Protein backbone atom coordinates (compact mmCIF):
# COMPACT_ATOMS: atom_id res chain seq x y z
CA UNK A 1 122.37 66.29 111.93
CA UNK A 2 125.33 67.24 109.75
CA UNK A 3 123.23 66.99 106.57
CA UNK A 4 120.47 68.95 107.90
CA UNK A 5 122.80 72.00 108.52
CA UNK A 6 124.40 71.73 105.19
CA UNK A 7 120.92 71.59 103.73
CA UNK A 8 119.91 74.54 105.69
CA UNK A 9 122.85 76.71 104.58
CA UNK A 10 122.28 75.60 100.95
CA UNK A 11 118.65 76.82 101.08
CA UNK A 12 119.33 80.00 103.04
CA UNK A 13 120.47 82.21 100.21
CA UNK A 14 117.17 81.47 98.55
CA UNK A 15 115.13 82.64 101.12
CA UNK A 16 117.12 85.93 101.67
CA UNK A 17 116.91 86.51 98.00
CA UNK A 18 113.12 86.05 98.14
CA UNK A 19 112.66 88.30 100.93
CA UNK A 20 114.28 91.33 99.57
CA UNK A 21 114.17 90.83 95.65
CA UNK A 22 112.21 89.15 92.88
CA UNK A 23 113.44 87.92 89.66
CA UNK A 24 111.11 87.99 86.31
CA UNK A 25 111.17 87.58 82.76
CA UNK A 26 109.74 90.99 81.18
CA UNK A 27 109.87 93.44 78.27
CA UNK A 28 110.96 97.14 79.32
CA UNK A 29 109.69 100.04 77.46
CA UNK A 30 111.85 103.17 77.89
CA UNK A 31 109.79 106.05 79.27
CA UNK A 32 112.15 108.73 80.08
CA UNK A 33 115.35 109.69 81.69
CA UNK A 34 114.85 111.12 85.02
CA UNK A 35 118.09 113.15 85.04
CA UNK A 36 118.59 112.23 88.67
CA UNK A 37 122.02 110.88 89.22
CA UNK A 38 122.50 107.11 89.78
CA UNK A 39 126.29 107.10 89.57
CA UNK A 40 129.42 109.60 89.84
CA UNK A 41 132.71 109.64 88.65
CA UNK A 42 135.32 111.43 90.59
CA UNK A 43 139.15 112.23 89.97
CA UNK A 44 140.24 113.31 93.63
CA UNK A 45 137.92 114.59 96.28
CA UNK A 46 136.46 117.56 94.30
CA UNK A 47 136.55 116.78 90.63
CA UNK A 48 133.42 114.97 90.11
CA UNK A 49 130.78 114.62 87.32
CA UNK A 50 127.62 112.61 86.68
CA UNK A 51 128.63 109.05 85.27
CA UNK A 52 125.13 107.75 84.79
CA UNK A 53 121.28 108.60 85.42
CA UNK A 54 118.17 106.68 86.27
CA UNK A 55 116.08 105.87 83.41
CA UNK A 56 112.28 105.06 84.07
CA UNK A 57 110.83 102.06 82.44
CA UNK A 58 107.59 100.33 82.29
CA UNK A 59 108.06 96.51 82.85
CA UNK A 60 105.52 94.21 81.28
CA UNK A 61 106.03 90.91 83.15
CA UNK A 62 105.81 87.64 81.29
CA UNK A 63 106.89 85.29 84.01
CA UNK A 64 107.96 85.52 87.73
CA UNK A 65 110.76 83.35 88.31
CA UNK A 66 111.71 83.88 91.99
CA UNK A 67 109.43 85.56 94.52
CA UNK A 68 105.76 86.79 93.95
CA UNK A 69 104.45 89.71 92.17
CA UNK A 70 100.64 89.97 91.54
CA UNK A 71 101.01 93.04 88.90
CA UNK A 72 101.86 92.16 85.33
CA UNK A 73 102.88 95.77 84.59
CA UNK A 74 104.72 98.26 86.89
CA UNK A 75 107.45 100.98 86.68
CA UNK A 76 111.09 100.41 87.35
CA UNK A 77 114.32 102.46 87.41
CA UNK A 78 117.56 101.55 86.18
CA UNK A 79 120.74 103.39 86.03
CA UNK A 80 123.91 102.37 84.43
CA UNK A 81 126.67 104.10 82.46
CA UNK A 82 126.22 104.13 78.65
CA UNK A 83 122.68 102.68 78.75
CA UNK A 84 120.85 103.48 75.60
CA UNK A 85 117.52 105.27 75.68
CA UNK A 86 115.44 102.42 74.10
CA UNK A 87 113.27 99.33 75.02
CA UNK A 88 114.84 96.20 76.03
CA UNK A 89 112.87 93.23 75.22
CA UNK A 90 112.67 89.47 76.67
CA UNK A 91 114.99 90.12 79.57
CA UNK A 92 115.47 88.57 83.03
CA UNK A 93 115.48 91.04 85.68
CA UNK A 94 116.55 91.02 89.57
CA UNK A 95 114.41 93.69 90.93
CA UNK A 96 114.55 95.35 94.35
CA UNK A 97 111.27 96.96 95.91
CA UNK A 98 111.32 100.78 96.29
CA UNK A 99 109.66 102.74 99.06
CA UNK A 100 106.40 104.29 97.73
CA UNK A 101 107.48 107.73 98.10
CA UNK A 102 110.64 107.22 96.07
CA UNK A 103 110.37 110.31 93.73
CA UNK A 104 110.54 108.24 90.52
CA UNK A 105 106.99 106.65 90.56
CA UNK A 106 108.55 103.43 90.34
CA UNK A 107 107.64 100.15 92.21
CA UNK A 108 111.06 98.59 91.91
CA UNK A 109 114.82 99.44 90.98
CA UNK A 110 116.48 97.08 88.51
CA UNK A 111 119.56 95.35 90.37
CA UNK A 112 120.87 93.19 87.32
CA UNK A 113 119.82 92.43 83.58
CA UNK A 114 120.49 88.86 82.26
């Protein structure tokens, strides 16, 4: 019984990951800077400025590593400070699905890039 509990707790994070996110190997083609704020830098309560904006990319999926995705090409958003406006090739992405009416026209948001 103890081994079964340990096994369950070891596998549980895999199921949680698969339910909310997918991981793929893909090329990202830079499309545009949405100019919508993805991060803010504040000094005090009222002195804030935009730290980063969301970029829109087209993802060309080469391989699905974790999860399921039937499309081989879809739009994603990614916002990070000092991100260059360029294509990113042969990257491993963790993606979180967005709501359909997200205002970006993207299917996923990039959570991390490896």
